[in-house]
Amino acid sequence: MKPNRNESERQQHAAENALFAAVITLRSVDECRNFFKDLCTPAELQALVDRWQVVECLEQGLPYRKIHDLTGVSVTTIGRVARFLADGFGGYRTAIERTSTEQTSH
């Protein structure tokens, strides 16, 4: 959150909920792509894509240096992604499980 925002924690939480509610209404990869292209700058979207690529590489057991060589993502960011994959809020793990389930059912 930006430090000079005058929103209360409750207001910020409500704003986050509104964003996340909008995301879960999207029904296809194309709808998601268009939404995120509207929402994010190209650099922001690339950062999100990079982090998801790092998650996939970490799941394959690749070392940080190899991930860096493959993706161009900094070792610091790779470490941060790895930390949240292991001890975060469970979002990465949920997405991994659901996308692997979808891929095996097609």
PDB file of N, CA and C in Angstrom:
ATOM      1  N   MET A   1       0.843  -1.181   0.000  1.00  0.00           N
ATOM      2  CA  MET A   1       0.000   0.000   0.000  1.00  0.00           C
ATOM      3  C   MET A   1       0.884   1.237   0.000  1.00  0.00           C
ATOM      4  N   LYS A   2       0.462   2.234  -0.724  1.00  0.00           N
ATOM      5  CA  LYS A   2       1.220   3.476  -0.763  1.00  0.00           C
ATOM      6  C   LYS A   2       1.154   4.150   0.606  1.00  0.00           C
ATOM      7  N   PRO A   3       2.303   4.651   1.106  1.00  0.00           N
ATOM      8  CA  PRO A   3       2.343   5.190   2.465  1.00  0.00           C
ATOM      9  C   PRO A   3       1.487   6.434   2.670  1.00  0.00           C
ATOM     10  N   ASN A   4       1.219   7.210   1.632  1.00  0.00           N
ATOM     11  CA  ASN A   4       0.465   8.447   1.831  1.00  0.00           C
ATOM     12  C   ASN A   4      -1.026   8.291   1.563  1.00  0.00           C
ATOM     13  N   ARG A   5      -1.493   7.084   1.366  1.00  0.00           N
ATOM     14  CA  ARG A   5      -2.919   6.853   1.150  1.00  0.00           C
ATOM     15  C   ARG A   5      -3.655   7.093   2.454  1.00  0.00           C
ATOM     16  N   ASN A   6      -4.814   7.654   2.360  1.00  0.00           N
ATOM     17  CA  ASN A   6      -5.611   7.946   3.558  1.00  0.00           C
ATOM     18  C   ASN A   6      -6.670   6.888   3.809  1.00  0.00           C
ATOM     19  N   GLU A   7      -6.476   5.703   3.267  1.00  0.00           N
ATOM     20  CA  GLU A   7      -7.423   4.627   3.476  1.00  0.00           C
ATOM     21  C   GLU A   7      -7.137   3.905   4.777  1.00  0.00           C
ATOM     22  N   SER A   8      -8.202   3.512   5.448  1.00  0.00           N
ATOM     23  CA  SER A   8      -8.034   2.684   6.633  1.00  0.00           C
ATOM     24  C   SER A   8      -7.715   1.264   6.188  1.00  0.00           C
ATOM     25  N   GLU A   9      -7.294   0.438   7.120  1.00  0.00           N
ATOM     26  CA  GLU A   9      -7.035  -0.962   6.792  1.00  0.00           C
ATOM     27  C   GLU A   9      -8.295  -1.624   6.265  1.00  0.00           C
ATOM     28  N   ARG A  10      -9.425  -1.275   6.842  1.00  0.00           N
ATOM     29  CA  ARG A  10     -10.705  -1.842   6.420  1.00  0.00           C
ATOM     30  C   ARG A  10     -11.027  -1.435   4.984  1.00  0.00           C
ATOM     31  N   GLN A  11     -10.778  -0.177   4.656  1.00  0.00           N
ATOM     32  CA  GLN A  11     -11.018   0.297   3.289  1.00  0.00           C
ATOM     33  C   GLN A  11     -10.084  -0.388   2.301  1.00  0.00           C
ATOM     34  N   GLN A  12      -8.834  -0.547   2.686  1.00  0.00           N
ATOM     35  CA  GLN A  12      -7.859  -1.223   1.822  1.00  0.00           C
ATOM     36  C   GLN A  12      -8.274  -2.665   1.595  1.00  0.00           C
ATOM     37  N   HIS A  13      -8.718  -3.330   2.652  1.00  0.00           N
ATOM     38  CA  HIS A  13      -9.164  -4.721   2.548  1.00  0.00           C
ATOM     39  C   HIS A  13     -10.372  -4.813   1.605  1.00  0.00           C
ATOM     40  N   ALA A  14     -11.298  -3.886   1.714  1.00  0.00           N
ATOM     41  CA  ALA A  14     -12.476  -3.872   0.838  1.00  0.00           C
ATOM     42  C   ALA A  14     -12.063  -3.642  -0.617  1.00  0.00           C
ATOM     43  N   ALA A  15     -11.096  -2.760  -0.837  1.00  0.00           N
ATOM     44  CA  ALA A  15     -10.616  -2.503  -2.198  1.00  0.00           C
ATOM     45  C   ALA A  15      -9.933  -3.747  -2.772  1.00  0.00           C
ATOM     46  N   GLU A  16      -9.143  -4.433  -1.955  1.00  0.00           N
ATOM     47  CA  GLU A  16      -8.521  -5.685  -2.400  1.00  0.00           C
ATOM     48  C   GLU A  16      -9.588  -6.710  -2.743  1.00  0.00           C
ATOM     49  N   ASN A  17     -10.584  -6.840  -1.870  1.00  0.00           N
ATOM     50  CA  ASN A  17     -11.656  -7.799  -2.127  1.00  0.00           C
ATOM     51  C   ASN A  17     -12.365  -7.505  -3.444  1.00  0.00           C
ATOM     52  N   ALA A  18     -12.588  -6.233  -3.745  1.00  0.00           N
ATOM     53  CA  ALA A  18     -13.245  -5.856  -4.998  1.00  0.00           C
ATOM     54  C   ALA A  18     -12.390  -6.282  -6.198  1.00  0.00           C
ATOM     55  N   LEU A  19     -11.095  -6.066  -6.111  1.00  0.00           N
ATOM     56  CA  LEU A  19     -10.193  -6.482  -7.188  1.00  0.00           C
ATOM     57  C   LEU A  19     -10.222  -7.996  -7.351  1.00  0.00           C
ATOM     58  N   PHE A  20     -10.066  -8.725  -6.267  1.00  0.00           N
ATOM     59  CA  PHE A  20     -10.017 -10.178  -6.337  1.00  0.00           C
ATOM     60  C   PHE A  20     -11.354 -10.749  -6.805  1.00  0.00           C
ATOM     61  N   ALA A  21     -12.460 -10.130  -6.410  1.00  0.00           N
ATOM     62  CA  ALA A  21     -13.775 -10.561  -6.887  1.00  0.00           C
ATOM     63  C   ALA A  21     -13.878 -10.372  -8.402  1.00  0.00           C
ATOM     64  N   ALA A  22     -13.319  -9.283  -8.904  1.00  0.00           N
ATOM     65  CA  ALA A  22     -13.314  -9.059 -10.358  1.00  0.00           C
ATOM     66  C   ALA A  22     -12.496 -10.131 -11.058  1.00  0.00           C
ATOM     67  N   VAL A  23     -11.347 -10.487 -10.493  1.00  0.00           N
ATOM     68  CA  VAL A  23     -10.485 -11.495 -11.114  1.00  0.00           C
ATOM     69  C   VAL A  23     -11.201 -12.841 -11.214  1.00  0.00           C
ATOM     70  N   ILE A  24     -11.887 -13.236 -10.171  1.00  0.00           N
ATOM     71  CA  ILE A  24     -12.511 -14.570 -10.215  1.00  0.00           C
ATOM     72  C   ILE A  24     -13.754 -14.618 -11.100  1.00  0.00           C
ATOM     73  N   THR A  25     -14.204 -13.477 -11.614  1.00  0.00           N
ATOM     74  CA  THR A  25     -15.306 -13.514 -12.585  1.00  0.00           C
ATOM     75  C   THR A  25     -14.817 -13.858 -13.983  1.00  0.00           C
ATOM     76  N   LEU A  26     -13.521 -13.752 -14.225  1.00  0.00           N
ATOM     77  CA  LEU A  26     -12.970 -13.977 -15.554  1.00  0.00           C
ATOM     78  C   LEU A  26     -13.033 -15.462 -15.883  1.00  0.00           C
ATOM     79  N   ARG A  27     -13.428 -15.780 -17.120  1.00  0.00           N
ATOM     80  CA  ARG A  27     -13.749 -17.164 -17.452  1.00  0.00           C
ATOM     81  C   ARG A  27     -12.778 -17.849 -18.394  1.00  0.00           C
ATOM     82  N   SER A  28     -11.805 -17.135 -18.899  1.00  0.00           N
ATOM     83  CA  SER A  28     -10.883 -17.777 -19.843  1.00  0.00           C
ATOM     84  C   SER A  28      -9.511 -17.116 -19.740  1.00  0.00           C
ATOM     85  N   VAL A  29      -8.532 -17.786 -20.304  1.00  0.00           N
ATOM     86  CA  VAL A  29      -7.186 -17.217 -20.341  1.00  0.00           C
ATOM     87  C   VAL A  29      -7.209 -15.896 -21.101  1.00  0.00           C
ATOM     88  N   ASP A  30      -7.951 -15.841 -22.207  1.00  0.00           N
ATOM     89  CA  ASP A  30      -8.023 -14.593 -22.974  1.00  0.00           C
ATOM     90  C   ASP A  30      -8.634 -13.462 -22.159  1.00  0.00           C
ATOM     91  N   GLU A  31      -9.703 -13.751 -21.406  1.00  0.00           N
ATOM     92  CA  GLU A  31     -10.299 -12.721 -20.553  1.00  0.00           C
ATOM     93  C   GLU A  31      -9.304 -12.252 -19.495  1.00  0.00           C
ATOM     94  N   CYS A  32      -8.588 -13.191 -18.888  1.00  0.00           N
ATOM     95  CA  CYS A  32      -7.572 -12.830 -17.894  1.00  0.00           C
ATOM     96  C   CYS A  32      -6.471 -11.990 -18.522  1.00  0.00           C
ATOM     97  N   ARG A  33      -5.986 -12.424 -19.685  1.00  0.00           N
ATOM     98  CA  ARG A  33      -4.930 -11.684 -20.373  1.00  0.00           C
ATOM     99  C   ARG A  33      -5.374 -10.238 -20.620  1.00  0.00           C
ATOM    100  N   ASN A  34      -6.581 -10.047 -21.151  1.00  0.00           N
ATOM    101  CA  ASN A  34      -7.072  -8.705 -21.451  1.00  0.00           C
ATOM    102  C   ASN A  34      -7.235  -7.869 -20.187  1.00  0.00           C
ATOM    103  N   PHE A  35      -7.744  -8.478 -19.126  1.00  0.00           N
ATOM    104  CA  PHE A  35      -7.918  -7.768 -17.855  1.00  0.00           C
ATOM    105  C   PHE A  35      -6.564  -7.308 -17.318  1.00  0.00           C
ATOM    106  N   PHE A  36      -5.598  -8.225 -17.274  1.00  0.00           N
ATOM    107  CA  PHE A  36      -4.289  -7.865 -16.724  1.00  0.00           C
ATOM    108  C   PHE A  36      -3.537  -6.889 -17.616  1.00  0.00           C
ATOM    109  N   LYS A  37      -3.749  -6.958 -18.927  1.00  0.00           N
ATOM    110  CA  LYS A  37      -3.125  -5.972 -19.816  1.00  0.00           C
ATOM    111  C   LYS A  37      -3.731  -4.588 -19.614  1.00  0.00           C
ATOM    112  N   ASP A  38      -5.008  -4.545 -19.266  1.00  0.00           N
ATOM    113  CA  ASP A  38      -5.641  -3.265 -18.945  1.00  0.00           C
ATOM    114  C   ASP A  38      -5.198  -2.762 -17.569  1.00  0.00           C
ATOM    115  N   LEU A  39      -5.052  -3.678 -16.635  1.00  0.00           N
ATOM    116  CA  LEU A  39      -4.763  -3.329 -15.241  1.00  0.00           C
ATOM    117  C   LEU A  39      -3.307  -2.952 -15.004  1.00  0.00           C
ATOM    118  N   CYS A  40      -2.399  -3.662 -15.642  1.00  0.00           N
ATOM    119  CA  CYS A  40      -0.968  -3.535 -15.341  1.00  0.00           C
ATOM    120  C   CYS A  40      -0.216  -2.817 -16.462  1.00  0.00           C
ATOM    121  N   THR A  41       0.886  -2.198 -16.080  1.00  0.00           N
ATOM    122  CA  THR A  41       1.817  -1.722 -17.096  1.00  0.00           C
ATOM    123  C   THR A  41       2.497  -2.956 -17.695  1.00  0.00           C
ATOM    124  N   PRO A  42       3.095  -2.824 -18.866  1.00  0.00           N
ATOM    125  CA  PRO A  42       3.828  -3.979 -19.419  1.00  0.00           C
ATOM    126  C   PRO A  42       4.889  -4.511 -18.453  1.00  0.00           C
ATOM    127  N   ALA A  43       5.578  -3.641 -17.745  1.00  0.00           N
ATOM    128  CA  ALA A  43       6.613  -4.082 -16.801  1.00  0.00           C
ATOM    129  C   ALA A  43       6.001  -4.827 -15.610  1.00  0.00           C
ATOM    130  N   GLU A  44       4.870  -4.341 -15.118  1.00  0.00           N
ATOM    131  CA  GLU A  44       4.204  -5.031 -14.005  1.00  0.00           C
ATOM    132  C   GLU A  44       3.740  -6.420 -14.426  1.00  0.00           C
ATOM    133  N   LEU A  45       3.143  -6.496 -15.610  1.00  0.00           N
ATOM    134  CA  LEU A  45       2.680  -7.788 -16.106  1.00  0.00           C
ATOM    135  C   LEU A  45       3.858  -8.737 -16.314  1.00  0.00           C
ATOM    136  N   GLN A  46       4.964  -8.231 -16.853  1.00  0.00           N
ATOM    137  CA  GLN A  46       6.145  -9.071 -17.053  1.00  0.00           C
ATOM    138  C   GLN A  46       6.680  -9.581 -15.719  1.00  0.00           C
ATOM    139  N   ALA A  47       6.646  -8.740 -14.690  1.00  0.00           N
ATOM    140  CA  ALA A  47       7.108  -9.174 -13.363  1.00  0.00           C
ATOM    141  C   ALA A  47       6.243 -10.314 -12.834  1.00  0.00           C
ATOM    142  N   LEU A  48       4.949 -10.241 -13.059  1.00  0.00           N
ATOM    143  CA  LEU A  48       4.049 -11.321 -12.621  1.00  0.00           C
ATOM    144  C   LEU A  48       4.338 -12.605 -13.400  1.00  0.00           C
ATOM    145  N   VAL A  49       4.484 -12.472 -14.711  1.00  0.00           N
ATOM    146  CA  VAL A  49       4.796 -13.629 -15.554  1.00  0.00           C
ATOM    147  C   VAL A  49       6.125 -14.250 -15.122  1.00  0.00           C
ATOM    148  N   ASP A  50       7.126 -13.399 -14.889  1.00  0.00           N
ATOM    149  CA  ASP A  50       8.440 -13.891 -14.454  1.00  0.00           C
ATOM    150  C   ASP A  50       8.326 -14.693 -13.165  1.00  0.00           C
ATOM    151  N   ARG A  51       7.583 -14.187 -12.210  1.00  0.00           N
ATOM    152  CA  ARG A  51       7.460 -14.883 -10.916  1.00  0.00           C
ATOM    153  C   ARG A  51       6.780 -16.224 -11.083  1.00  0.00           C
ATOM    154  N   TRP A  52       5.762 -16.273 -11.951  1.00  0.00           N
ATOM    155  CA  TRP A  52       5.094 -17.563 -12.163  1.00  0.00           C
ATOM    156  C   TRP A  52       6.036 -18.547 -12.854  1.00  0.00           C
ATOM    157  N   GLN A  53       6.868 -18.071 -13.774  1.00  0.00           N
ATOM    158  CA  GLN A  53       7.870 -18.946 -14.400  1.00  0.00           C
ATOM    159  C   GLN A  53       8.844 -19.473 -13.352  1.00  0.00           C
ATOM    160  N   VAL A  54       9.221 -18.621 -12.416  1.00  0.00           N
ATOM    161  CA  VAL A  54      10.130 -19.039 -11.343  1.00  0.00           C
ATOM    162  C   VAL A  54       9.475 -20.138 -10.509  1.00  0.00           C
ATOM    163  N   VAL A  55       8.201 -19.986 -10.188  1.00  0.00           N
ATOM    164  CA  VAL A  55       7.490 -21.019  -9.427  1.00  0.00           C
ATOM    165  C   VAL A  55       7.578 -22.359 -10.158  1.00  0.00           C
ATOM    166  N   GLU A  56       7.308 -22.333 -11.455  1.00  0.00           N
ATOM    167  CA  GLU A  56       7.360 -23.571 -12.234  1.00  0.00           C
ATOM    168  C   GLU A  56       8.759 -24.189 -12.208  1.00  0.00           C
ATOM    169  N   CYS A  57       9.777 -23.357 -12.321  1.00  0.00           N
ATOM    170  CA  CYS A  57      11.159 -23.855 -12.285  1.00  0.00           C
ATOM    171  C   CYS A  57      11.511 -24.425 -10.913  1.00  0.00           C
ATOM    172  N   LEU A  58      11.089 -23.750  -9.863  1.00  0.00           N
ATOM    173  CA  LEU A  58      11.351 -24.237  -8.506  1.00  0.00           C
ATOM    174  C   LEU A  58      10.667 -25.580  -8.280  1.00  0.00           C
ATOM    175  N   GLU A  59       9.471 -25.722  -8.809  1.00  0.00           N
ATOM    176  CA  GLU A  59       8.750 -26.988  -8.676  1.00  0.00           C
ATOM    177  C   GLU A  59       9.480 -28.129  -9.383  1.00  0.00           C
ATOM    178  N   GLN A  60      10.246 -27.791 -10.407  1.00  0.00           N
ATOM    179  CA  GLN A  60      11.053 -28.802 -11.116  1.00  0.00           C
ATOM    180  C   GLN A  60      12.360 -29.091 -10.384  1.00  0.00           C
ATOM    181  N   GLY A  61      12.635 -28.337  -9.307  1.00  0.00           N
ATOM    182  CA  GLY A  61      13.843 -28.561  -8.537  1.00  0.00           C
ATOM    183  C   GLY A  61      15.092 -27.925  -9.120  1.00  0.00           C
ATOM    184  N   LEU A  62      14.915 -26.973 -10.031  1.00  0.00           N
ATOM    185  CA  LEU A  62      16.080 -26.334 -10.649  1.00  0.00           C
ATOM    186  C   LEU A  62      16.799 -25.425  -9.656  1.00  0.00           C
ATOM    187  N   PRO A  63      18.113 -25.348  -9.711  1.00  0.00           N
ATOM    188  CA  PRO A  63      18.863 -24.441  -8.841  1.00  0.00           C
ATOM    189  C   PRO A  63      18.644 -22.988  -9.262  1.00  0.00           C
ATOM    190  N   TYR A  64      18.819 -22.080  -8.316  1.00  0.00           N
ATOM    191  CA  TYR A  64      18.578 -20.654  -8.551  1.00  0.00           C
ATOM    192  C   TYR A  64      19.352 -20.129  -9.755  1.00  0.00           C
ATOM    193  N   ARG A  65      20.615 -20.486  -9.869  1.00  0.00           N
ATOM    194  CA  ARG A  65      21.443 -19.985 -10.978  1.00  0.00           C
ATOM    195  C   ARG A  65      20.889 -20.434 -12.326  1.00  0.00           C
ATOM    196  N   LYS A  66      20.442 -21.676 -12.404  1.00  0.00           N
ATOM    197  CA  LYS A  66      19.860 -22.197 -13.642  1.00  0.00           C
ATOM    198  C   LYS A  66      18.563 -21.444 -13.960  1.00  0.00           C
ATOM    199  N   ILE A  67      17.744 -21.187 -12.921  1.00  0.00           N
ATOM    200  CA  ILE A  67      16.504 -20.435 -13.116  1.00  0.00           C
ATOM    201  C   ILE A  67      16.828 -19.036 -13.633  1.00  0.00           C
ATOM    202  N   HIS A  68      17.832 -18.418 -13.049  1.00  0.00           N
ATOM    203  CA  HIS A  68      18.260 -17.090 -13.505  1.00  0.00           C
ATOM    204  C   HIS A  68      18.685 -17.146 -14.976  1.00  0.00           C
ATOM    205  N   ASP A  69      19.461 -18.146 -15.323  1.00  0.00           N
ATOM    206  CA  ASP A  69      19.931 -18.272 -16.704  1.00  0.00           C
ATOM    207  C   ASP A  69      18.768 -18.475 -17.677  1.00  0.00           C
ATOM    208  N   LEU A  70      17.763 -19.229 -17.260  1.00  0.00           N
ATOM    209  CA  LEU A  70      16.615 -19.515 -18.129  1.00  0.00           C
ATOM    210  C   LEU A  70      15.651 -18.334 -18.252  1.00  0.00           C
ATOM    211  N   THR A  71      15.466 -17.595 -17.149  1.00  0.00           N
ATOM    212  CA  THR A  71      14.401 -16.582 -17.098  1.00  0.00           C
ATOM    213  C   THR A  71      14.906 -15.146 -17.091  1.00  0.00           C
ATOM    214  N   GLY A  72      16.151 -14.947 -16.664  1.00  0.00           N
ATOM    215  CA  GLY A  72      16.661 -13.591 -16.495  1.00  0.00           C
ATOM    216  C   GLY A  72      16.233 -12.936 -15.201  1.00  0.00           C
ATOM    217  N   VAL A  73      15.483 -13.649 -14.381  1.00  0.00           N
ATOM    218  CA  VAL A  73      15.018 -13.129 -13.093  1.00  0.00           C
ATOM    219  C   VAL A  73      16.186 -13.126 -12.113  1.00  0.00           C
ATOM    220  N   SER A  74      16.272 -12.077 -11.311  1.00  0.00           N
ATOM    221  CA  SER A  74      17.383 -11.968 -10.357  1.00  0.00           C
ATOM    222  C   SER A  74      17.316 -13.076  -9.308  1.00  0.00           C
ATOM    223  N   VAL A  75      18.476 -13.459  -8.828  1.00  0.00           N
ATOM    224  CA  VAL A  75      18.555 -14.480  -7.787  1.00  0.00           C
ATOM    225  C   VAL A  75      17.818 -14.020  -6.530  1.00  0.00           C
ATOM    226  N   THR A  76      17.825 -12.722  -6.262  1.00  0.00           N
ATOM    227  CA  THR A  76      17.089 -12.177  -5.110  1.00  0.00           C
ATOM    228  C   THR A  76      15.597 -12.429  -5.258  1.00  0.00           C
ATOM    229  N   THR A  77      15.058 -12.153  -6.440  1.00  0.00           N
ATOM    230  CA  THR A  77      13.626 -12.387  -6.674  1.00  0.00           C
ATOM    231  C   THR A  77      13.314 -13.876  -6.631  1.00  0.00           C
ATOM    232  N   ILE A  78      14.189 -14.683  -7.178  1.00  0.00           N
ATOM    233  CA  ILE A  78      13.992 -16.134  -7.126  1.00  0.00           C
ATOM    234  C   ILE A  78      13.913 -16.593  -5.676  1.00  0.00           C
ATOM    235  N   GLY A  79      14.804 -16.076  -4.841  1.00  0.00           N
ATOM    236  CA  GLY A  79      14.787 -16.417  -3.414  1.00  0.00           C
ATOM    237  C   GLY A  79      13.499 -15.985  -2.739  1.00  0.00           C
ATOM    238  N   ARG A  80      13.016 -14.818  -3.109  1.00  0.00           N
ATOM    239  CA  ARG A  80      11.768 -14.309  -2.533  1.00  0.00           C
ATOM    240  C   ARG A  80      10.593 -15.202  -2.937  1.00  0.00           C
ATOM    241  N   VAL A  81      10.552 -15.568  -4.216  1.00  0.00           N
ATOM    242  CA  VAL A  81       9.487 -16.458  -4.683  1.00  0.00           C
ATOM    243  C   VAL A  81       9.576 -17.799  -3.959  1.00  0.00           C
ATOM    244  N   ALA A  82      10.773 -18.331  -3.829  1.00  0.00           N
ATOM    245  CA  ALA A  82      10.965 -19.615  -3.135  1.00  0.00           C
ATOM    246  C   ALA A  82      10.492 -19.537  -1.687  1.00  0.00           C
ATOM    247  N   ARG A  83      10.789 -18.425  -1.039  1.00  0.00           N
ATOM    248  CA  ARG A  83      10.372 -18.241   0.352  1.00  0.00           C
ATOM    249  C   ARG A  83       8.845 -18.249   0.466  1.00  0.00           C
ATOM    250  N   PHE A  84       8.163 -17.529  -0.438  1.00  0.00           N
ATOM    251  CA  PHE A  84       6.703 -17.502  -0.385  1.00  0.00           C
ATOM    252  C   PHE A  84       6.095 -18.825  -0.830  1.00  0.00           C
ATOM    253  N   LEU A  85       6.755 -19.525  -1.735  1.00  0.00           N
ATOM    254  CA  LEU A  85       6.296 -20.853  -2.139  1.00  0.00           C
ATOM    255  C   LEU A  85       6.330 -21.798  -0.940  1.00  0.00           C
ATOM    256  N   ALA A  86       7.367 -21.682  -0.121  1.00  0.00           N
ATOM    257  CA  ALA A  86       7.522 -22.558   1.042  1.00  0.00           C
ATOM    258  C   ALA A  86       6.710 -22.085   2.248  1.00  0.00           C
ATOM    259  N   ASP A  87       6.719 -20.773   2.523  1.00  0.00           N
ATOM    260  CA  ASP A  87       6.160 -20.271   3.781  1.00  0.00           C
ATOM    261  C   ASP A  87       5.228 -19.077   3.596  1.00  0.00           C
ATOM    262  N   GLY A  88       4.626 -18.943   2.431  1.00  0.00           N
ATOM    263  CA  GLY A  88       3.759 -17.804   2.177  1.00  0.00           C
ATOM    264  C   GLY A  88       2.332 -18.065   2.636  1.00  0.00           C
ATOM    265  N   PHE A  89       1.400 -17.581   1.855  1.00  0.00           N
ATOM    266  CA  PHE A  89      -0.015 -17.663   2.203  1.00  0.00           C
ATOM    267  C   PHE A  89      -0.714 -18.853   1.552  1.00  0.00           C
ATOM    268  N   GLY A  90       0.018 -19.639   0.772  1.00  0.00           N
ATOM    269  CA  GLY A  90      -0.552 -20.821   0.129  1.00  0.00           C
ATOM    270  C   GLY A  90      -1.128 -20.565  -1.248  1.00  0.00           C
ATOM    271  N   GLY A  91      -1.042 -19.337  -1.724  1.00  0.00           N
ATOM    272  CA  GLY A  91      -1.596 -19.011  -3.036  1.00  0.00           C
ATOM    273  C   GLY A  91      -0.887 -19.709  -4.179  1.00  0.00           C
ATOM    274  N   TYR A  92       0.435 -19.714  -4.137  1.00  0.00           N
ATOM    275  CA  TYR A  92       1.189 -20.412  -5.171  1.00  0.00           C
ATOM    276  C   TYR A  92       0.796 -21.890  -5.184  1.00  0.00           C
ATOM    277  N   ARG A  93       0.766 -22.498  -4.015  1.00  0.00           N
ATOM    278  CA  ARG A  93       0.483 -23.936  -3.919  1.00  0.00           C
ATOM    279  C   ARG A  93      -0.912 -24.245  -4.460  1.00  0.00           C
ATOM    280  N   THR A  94      -1.900 -23.431  -4.121  1.00  0.00           N
ATOM    281  CA  THR A  94      -3.257 -23.644  -4.630  1.00  0.00           C
ATOM    282  C   THR A  94      -3.275 -23.582  -6.147  1.00  0.00           C
ATOM    283  N   ALA A  95      -2.623 -22.570  -6.710  1.00  0.00           N
ATOM    284  CA  ALA A  95      -2.597 -22.421  -8.169  1.00  0.00           C
ATOM    285  C   ALA A  95      -1.848 -23.571  -8.832  1.00  0.00           C
ATOM    286  N   ILE A  96      -0.750 -24.005  -8.233  1.00  0.00           N
ATOM    287  CA  ILE A  96       0.008 -25.139  -8.773  1.00  0.00           C
ATOM    288  C   ILE A  96      -0.873 -26.381  -8.815  1.00  0.00           C
ATOM    289  N   GLU A  97      -1.521 -26.669  -7.702  1.00  0.00           N
ATOM    290  CA  GLU A  97      -2.355 -27.873  -7.620  1.00  0.00           C
ATOM    291  C   GLU A  97      -3.509 -27.812  -8.620  1.00  0.00           C
ATOM    292  N   ARG A  98      -4.144 -26.658  -8.726  1.00  0.00           N
ATOM    293  CA  ARG A  98      -5.297 -26.549  -9.623  1.00  0.00           C
ATOM    294  C   ARG A  98      -4.894 -26.562 -11.084  1.00  0.00           C
ATOM    295  N   THR A  99      -3.773 -25.935 -11.421  1.00  0.00           N
ATOM    296  CA  THR A  99      -3.370 -25.956 -12.824  1.00  0.00           C
ATOM    297  C   THR A  99      -2.858 -27.332 -13.222  1.00  0.00           C
ATOM    298  N   SER A 100      -2.203 -28.043 -12.320  1.00  0.00           N
ATOM    299  CA  SER A 100      -1.734 -29.400 -12.661  1.00  0.00           C
ATOM    300  C   SER A 100      -2.915 -30.351 -12.759  1.00  0.00           C
ATOM    301  N   THR A 101      -3.949 -30.146 -11.958  1.00  0.00           N
ATOM    302  CA  THR A 101      -5.153 -30.976 -12.041  1.00  0.00           C
ATOM    303  C   THR A 101      -5.862 -30.731 -13.359  1.00  0.00           C
ATOM    304  N   GLU A 102      -5.967 -29.467 -13.773  1.00  0.00           N
ATOM    305  CA  GLU A 102      -6.603 -29.127 -15.046  1.00  0.00           C
ATOM    306  C   GLU A 102      -5.850 -29.738 -16.218  1.00  0.00           C
ATOM    307  N   GLN A 103      -4.514 -29.677 -16.173  1.00  0.00           N
ATOM    308  CA  GLN A 103      -3.705 -30.182 -17.277  1.00  0.00           C
ATOM    309  C   GLN A 103      -3.820 -31.698 -17.395  1.00  0.00           C
ATOM    310  N   THR A 104      -3.943 -32.407 -16.272  1.00  0.00           N
ATOM    311  CA  THR A 104      -4.036 -33.862 -16.317  1.00  0.00           C
ATOM    312  C   THR A 104      -5.437 -34.323 -16.700  1.00  0.00           C
ATOM    313  N   SER A 105      -6.444 -33.456 -16.531  1.00  0.00           N
ATOM    314  CA  SER A 105      -7.820 -33.870 -16.863  1.00  0.00           C
ATOM    315  C   SER A 105      -8.179 -33.575 -18.314  1.00  0.00           C
ATOM    316  N   HIS A 106      -7.294 -32.915 -19.071  1.00  0.00           N
ATOM    317  CA  HIS A 106      -7.589 -32.570 -20.485  1.00  0.00           C
ATOM    318  C   HIS A 106      -7.002 -33.591 -21.405  1.00  0.00           C
TER     319      HIS A 106
END
